[in-house]
Amino acid sequence: MTTDRIAAALDTLTRSGAIYASRIDDDKVVVSLDVVYAGPACDYDAETATRVAEIDAALQAIGLHFSDAGGEEDRQAEYFIYRAD
């Protein structure tokens, strides 16, 4: 997998509004998105769930797989870490 291919996928996701930031580290790709929760159980609303599914499908299509997720300080945002096989 080439960095160019990853960068192109991330650019597409950014332009579509699915993510607002991303970075490519040596061994992982980190994508961030604003999230909206549907209720106190921290379930995503329908629009956020659609974005998460779009991110997951696009990155899996180029050989990256979900590895970890977490929150970011001072935002209602989350980051997702993907790694190559």
N, C-alpha and C. Protein backbone atom coordinates (compact mmCIF):
# COMPACT_ATOMS: atom_id res chain seq x y z
N MET A 1 0.83 -1.16 0.00
CA MET A 1 0.00 0.00 0.00
C MET A 1 0.89 1.24 0.00
N THR A 2 0.56 2.20 -0.84
CA THR A 2 1.39 3.38 -0.93
C THR A 2 0.78 4.54 -0.14
N THR A 3 1.65 5.44 0.30
CA THR A 3 1.18 6.63 1.00
C THR A 3 0.29 7.46 0.09
N ASP A 4 0.60 7.50 -1.20
CA ASP A 4 -0.23 8.26 -2.15
C ASP A 4 -1.66 7.75 -2.18
N ARG A 5 -1.81 6.45 -2.16
CA ARG A 5 -3.15 5.86 -2.19
C ARG A 5 -3.93 6.19 -0.92
N ILE A 6 -3.24 6.13 0.22
CA ILE A 6 -3.87 6.49 1.49
C ILE A 6 -4.25 7.98 1.48
N ALA A 7 -3.31 8.83 1.05
CA ALA A 7 -3.56 10.27 1.01
C ALA A 7 -4.75 10.60 0.11
N ALA A 8 -4.88 9.91 -1.01
CA ALA A 8 -5.99 10.15 -1.92
C ALA A 8 -7.32 9.78 -1.26
N ALA A 9 -7.36 8.67 -0.56
CA ALA A 9 -8.58 8.25 0.14
C ALA A 9 -8.94 9.25 1.23
N LEU A 10 -7.94 9.71 1.98
CA LEU A 10 -8.19 10.68 3.04
C LEU A 10 -8.67 12.01 2.46
N ASP A 11 -8.11 12.41 1.32
CA ASP A 11 -8.54 13.65 0.67
C ASP A 11 -10.00 13.56 0.25
N THR A 12 -10.39 12.43 -0.29
CA THR A 12 -11.78 12.22 -0.70
C THR A 12 -12.71 12.31 0.49
N LEU A 13 -12.33 11.67 1.60
CA LEU A 13 -13.16 11.71 2.80
C LEU A 13 -13.25 13.12 3.38
N THR A 14 -12.18 13.87 3.29
CA THR A 14 -12.19 15.24 3.80
C THR A 14 -13.09 16.12 2.94
N ARG A 15 -12.96 16.00 1.62
CA ARG A 15 -13.80 16.80 0.72
C ARG A 15 -15.27 16.45 0.85
N SER A 16 -15.59 15.20 1.17
CA SER A 16 -16.99 14.78 1.31
C SER A 16 -17.57 15.23 2.65
N GLY A 17 -16.71 15.67 3.56
CA GLY A 17 -17.19 16.08 4.87
C GLY A 17 -17.23 14.97 5.89
N ALA A 18 -16.81 13.77 5.52
CA ALA A 18 -16.84 12.65 6.46
C ALA A 18 -15.84 12.85 7.60
N ILE A 19 -14.68 13.43 7.29
CA ILE A 19 -13.68 13.71 8.32
C ILE A 19 -13.25 15.16 8.23
N TYR A 20 -12.73 15.69 9.33
CA TYR A 20 -12.24 17.06 9.27
C TYR A 20 -10.73 17.12 9.40
N ALA A 21 -10.10 16.04 9.81
CA ALA A 21 -8.64 16.03 9.92
C ALA A 21 -8.14 14.61 9.83
N SER A 22 -6.89 14.47 9.39
CA SER A 22 -6.29 13.14 9.32
C SER A 22 -4.78 13.29 9.33
N ARG A 23 -4.13 12.22 9.67
CA ARG A 23 -2.67 12.20 9.56
C ARG A 23 -2.23 10.77 9.30
N ILE A 24 -1.10 10.66 8.61
CA ILE A 24 -0.51 9.36 8.31
C ILE A 24 0.77 9.26 9.12
N ASP A 25 0.80 8.34 10.07
CA ASP A 25 2.01 8.08 10.85
C ASP A 25 2.72 6.88 10.23
N ASP A 26 3.86 6.52 10.78
CA ASP A 26 4.63 5.40 10.24
C ASP A 26 3.84 4.12 10.16
N ASP A 27 3.08 3.81 11.21
CA ASP A 27 2.42 2.51 11.27
C ASP A 27 0.90 2.60 11.35
N LYS A 28 0.35 3.82 11.23
CA LYS A 28 -1.10 3.94 11.35
C LYS A 28 -1.60 5.20 10.65
N VAL A 29 -2.92 5.21 10.43
CA VAL A 29 -3.62 6.36 9.90
C VAL A 29 -4.63 6.78 10.96
N VAL A 30 -4.65 8.07 11.27
CA VAL A 30 -5.57 8.59 12.27
C VAL A 30 -6.52 9.56 11.58
N VAL A 31 -7.82 9.32 11.71
CA VAL A 31 -8.82 10.21 11.15
C VAL A 31 -9.68 10.74 12.29
N SER A 32 -10.11 11.99 12.15
CA SER A 32 -10.94 12.62 13.18
C SER A 32 -12.22 13.13 12.55
N LEU A 33 -13.31 13.07 13.32
CA LEU A 33 -14.57 13.61 12.85
C LEU A 33 -15.35 14.17 14.02
N ASP A 34 -16.15 15.19 13.73
CA ASP A 34 -17.09 15.70 14.72
C ASP A 34 -18.20 14.67 14.84
N VAL A 35 -18.66 14.45 16.06
CA VAL A 35 -19.71 13.47 16.27
C VAL A 35 -20.89 14.12 16.98
N VAL A 36 -22.06 13.57 16.73
CA VAL A 36 -23.28 13.97 17.42
C VAL A 36 -23.87 12.71 18.01
N TYR A 37 -24.20 12.78 19.28
CA TYR A 37 -24.75 11.61 19.97
C TYR A 37 -26.27 11.69 20.00
N ALA A 38 -26.90 10.53 19.87
CA ALA A 38 -28.36 10.47 19.84
C ALA A 38 -28.97 10.43 21.24
N GLY A 39 -28.18 10.08 22.23
CA GLY A 39 -28.73 9.98 23.58
C GLY A 39 -27.64 9.76 24.60
N PRO A 40 -28.02 9.56 25.84
CA PRO A 40 -27.03 9.44 26.91
C PRO A 40 -26.15 8.19 26.82
N ALA A 41 -26.53 7.23 26.02
CA ALA A 41 -25.72 6.01 25.88
C ALA A 41 -24.56 6.22 24.92
N CYS A 42 -24.40 7.44 24.42
CA CYS A 42 -23.32 7.79 23.49
C CYS A 42 -23.42 7.05 22.16
N ASP A 43 -24.64 6.69 21.78
CA ASP A 43 -24.84 6.15 20.44
C ASP A 43 -24.81 7.32 19.46
N TYR A 44 -24.20 7.10 18.29
CA TYR A 44 -24.16 8.15 17.29
C TYR A 44 -25.54 8.42 16.71
N ASP A 45 -25.78 9.66 16.30
CA ASP A 45 -26.99 9.94 15.55
C ASP A 45 -26.83 9.34 14.15
N ALA A 46 -27.89 9.38 13.36
CA ALA A 46 -27.88 8.71 12.05
C ALA A 46 -26.81 9.29 11.13
N GLU A 47 -26.63 10.62 11.12
CA GLU A 47 -25.65 11.24 10.23
C GLU A 47 -24.23 10.83 10.63
N THR A 48 -23.94 10.83 11.92
CA THR A 48 -22.61 10.42 12.37
C THR A 48 -22.37 8.95 12.06
N ALA A 49 -23.36 8.10 12.28
CA ALA A 49 -23.22 6.67 11.98
C ALA A 49 -22.92 6.46 10.50
N THR A 50 -23.57 7.25 9.63
CA THR A 50 -23.32 7.16 8.19
C THR A 50 -21.89 7.55 7.87
N ARG A 51 -21.40 8.62 8.50
CA ARG A 51 -20.01 9.05 8.28
C ARG A 51 -19.02 7.99 8.73
N VAL A 52 -19.26 7.41 9.90
CA VAL A 52 -18.36 6.36 10.40
C VAL A 52 -18.33 5.18 9.44
N ALA A 53 -19.48 4.79 8.92
CA ALA A 53 -19.55 3.68 7.97
C ALA A 53 -18.81 4.03 6.68
N GLU A 54 -18.93 5.29 6.22
CA GLU A 54 -18.24 5.73 5.00
C GLU A 54 -16.72 5.68 5.19
N ILE A 55 -16.26 6.17 6.33
CA ILE A 55 -14.83 6.12 6.64
C ILE A 55 -14.34 4.68 6.65
N ASP A 56 -15.05 3.84 7.37
CA ASP A 56 -14.65 2.44 7.50
C ASP A 56 -14.58 1.74 6.15
N ALA A 57 -15.59 1.93 5.33
CA ALA A 57 -15.62 1.28 4.00
C ALA A 57 -14.49 1.79 3.12
N ALA A 58 -14.26 3.10 3.11
CA ALA A 58 -13.22 3.67 2.25
C ALA A 58 -11.83 3.19 2.65
N LEU A 59 -11.56 3.14 3.95
CA LEU A 59 -10.23 2.74 4.38
C LEU A 59 -10.03 1.23 4.28
N GLN A 60 -11.08 0.44 4.52
CA GLN A 60 -10.95 -1.00 4.31
C GLN A 60 -10.72 -1.32 2.85
N ALA A 61 -11.30 -0.54 1.95
CA ALA A 61 -11.14 -0.78 0.51
C ALA A 61 -9.69 -0.63 0.06
N ILE A 62 -8.88 0.12 0.81
CA ILE A 62 -7.47 0.26 0.45
C ILE A 62 -6.56 -0.53 1.37
N GLY A 63 -7.15 -1.45 2.16
CA GLY A 63 -6.35 -2.36 2.96
C GLY A 63 -6.04 -1.91 4.37
N LEU A 64 -6.75 -0.89 4.86
CA LEU A 64 -6.58 -0.46 6.25
C LEU A 64 -7.73 -0.99 7.08
N HIS A 65 -7.44 -1.36 8.32
CA HIS A 65 -8.47 -1.91 9.18
C HIS A 65 -8.50 -1.18 10.51
N PHE A 66 -9.71 -1.02 11.05
CA PHE A 66 -9.91 -0.32 12.31
C PHE A 66 -9.08 -0.95 13.41
N SER A 67 -8.42 -0.12 14.20
CA SER A 67 -7.58 -0.59 15.28
C SER A 67 -8.01 -0.08 16.64
N ASP A 68 -8.41 1.20 16.72
CA ASP A 68 -8.71 1.81 18.02
C ASP A 68 -9.51 3.08 17.82
N ALA A 69 -10.20 3.52 18.86
CA ALA A 69 -10.95 4.78 18.82
C ALA A 69 -10.84 5.45 20.17
N GLY A 70 -11.06 6.74 20.17
CA GLY A 70 -11.04 7.46 21.43
C GLY A 70 -11.53 8.88 21.25
N GLY A 71 -11.61 9.61 22.36
CA GLY A 71 -12.09 10.99 22.32
C GLY A 71 -10.95 11.97 22.18
N GLU A 72 -11.29 13.19 21.89
CA GLU A 72 -10.33 14.28 21.84
C GLU A 72 -10.78 15.34 22.83
N GLU A 73 -9.86 15.97 23.49
CA GLU A 73 -10.19 16.96 24.49
C GLU A 73 -10.82 18.20 23.87
N ASP A 74 -11.73 18.81 24.63
CA ASP A 74 -12.33 20.10 24.29
C ASP A 74 -13.11 20.11 22.99
N ARG A 75 -13.59 18.98 22.55
CA ARG A 75 -14.42 18.91 21.35
C ARG A 75 -15.39 17.76 21.54
N GLN A 76 -16.48 17.84 20.85
CA GLN A 76 -17.32 16.66 20.75
C GLN A 76 -16.88 15.98 19.47
N ALA A 77 -15.74 15.30 19.57
CA ALA A 77 -15.09 14.70 18.41
C ALA A 77 -14.48 13.38 18.83
N GLU A 78 -14.21 12.57 17.86
CA GLU A 78 -13.54 11.31 18.11
C GLU A 78 -12.49 11.08 17.04
N TYR A 79 -11.51 10.28 17.39
CA TYR A 79 -10.53 9.90 16.40
C TYR A 79 -10.58 8.39 16.23
N PHE A 80 -10.22 7.94 15.05
CA PHE A 80 -10.22 6.52 14.72
C PHE A 80 -8.85 6.18 14.16
N ILE A 81 -8.27 5.10 14.64
CA ILE A 81 -6.96 4.66 14.17
C ILE A 81 -7.14 3.43 13.29
N TYR A 82 -6.51 3.48 12.13
CA TYR A 82 -6.53 2.36 11.19
C TYR A 82 -5.09 1.93 10.92
N ARG A 83 -4.91 0.65 10.71
CA ARG A 83 -3.59 0.10 10.42
C ARG A 83 -3.67 -0.83 9.21
N ALA A 84 -2.54 -0.99 8.55
CA ALA A 84 -2.48 -1.92 7.41
C ALA A 84 -2.44 -3.35 7.94
N ASP A 85 -2.81 -4.27 7.08
CA ASP A 85 -2.75 -5.70 7.43
C ASP A 85 -1.35 -6.11 7.80
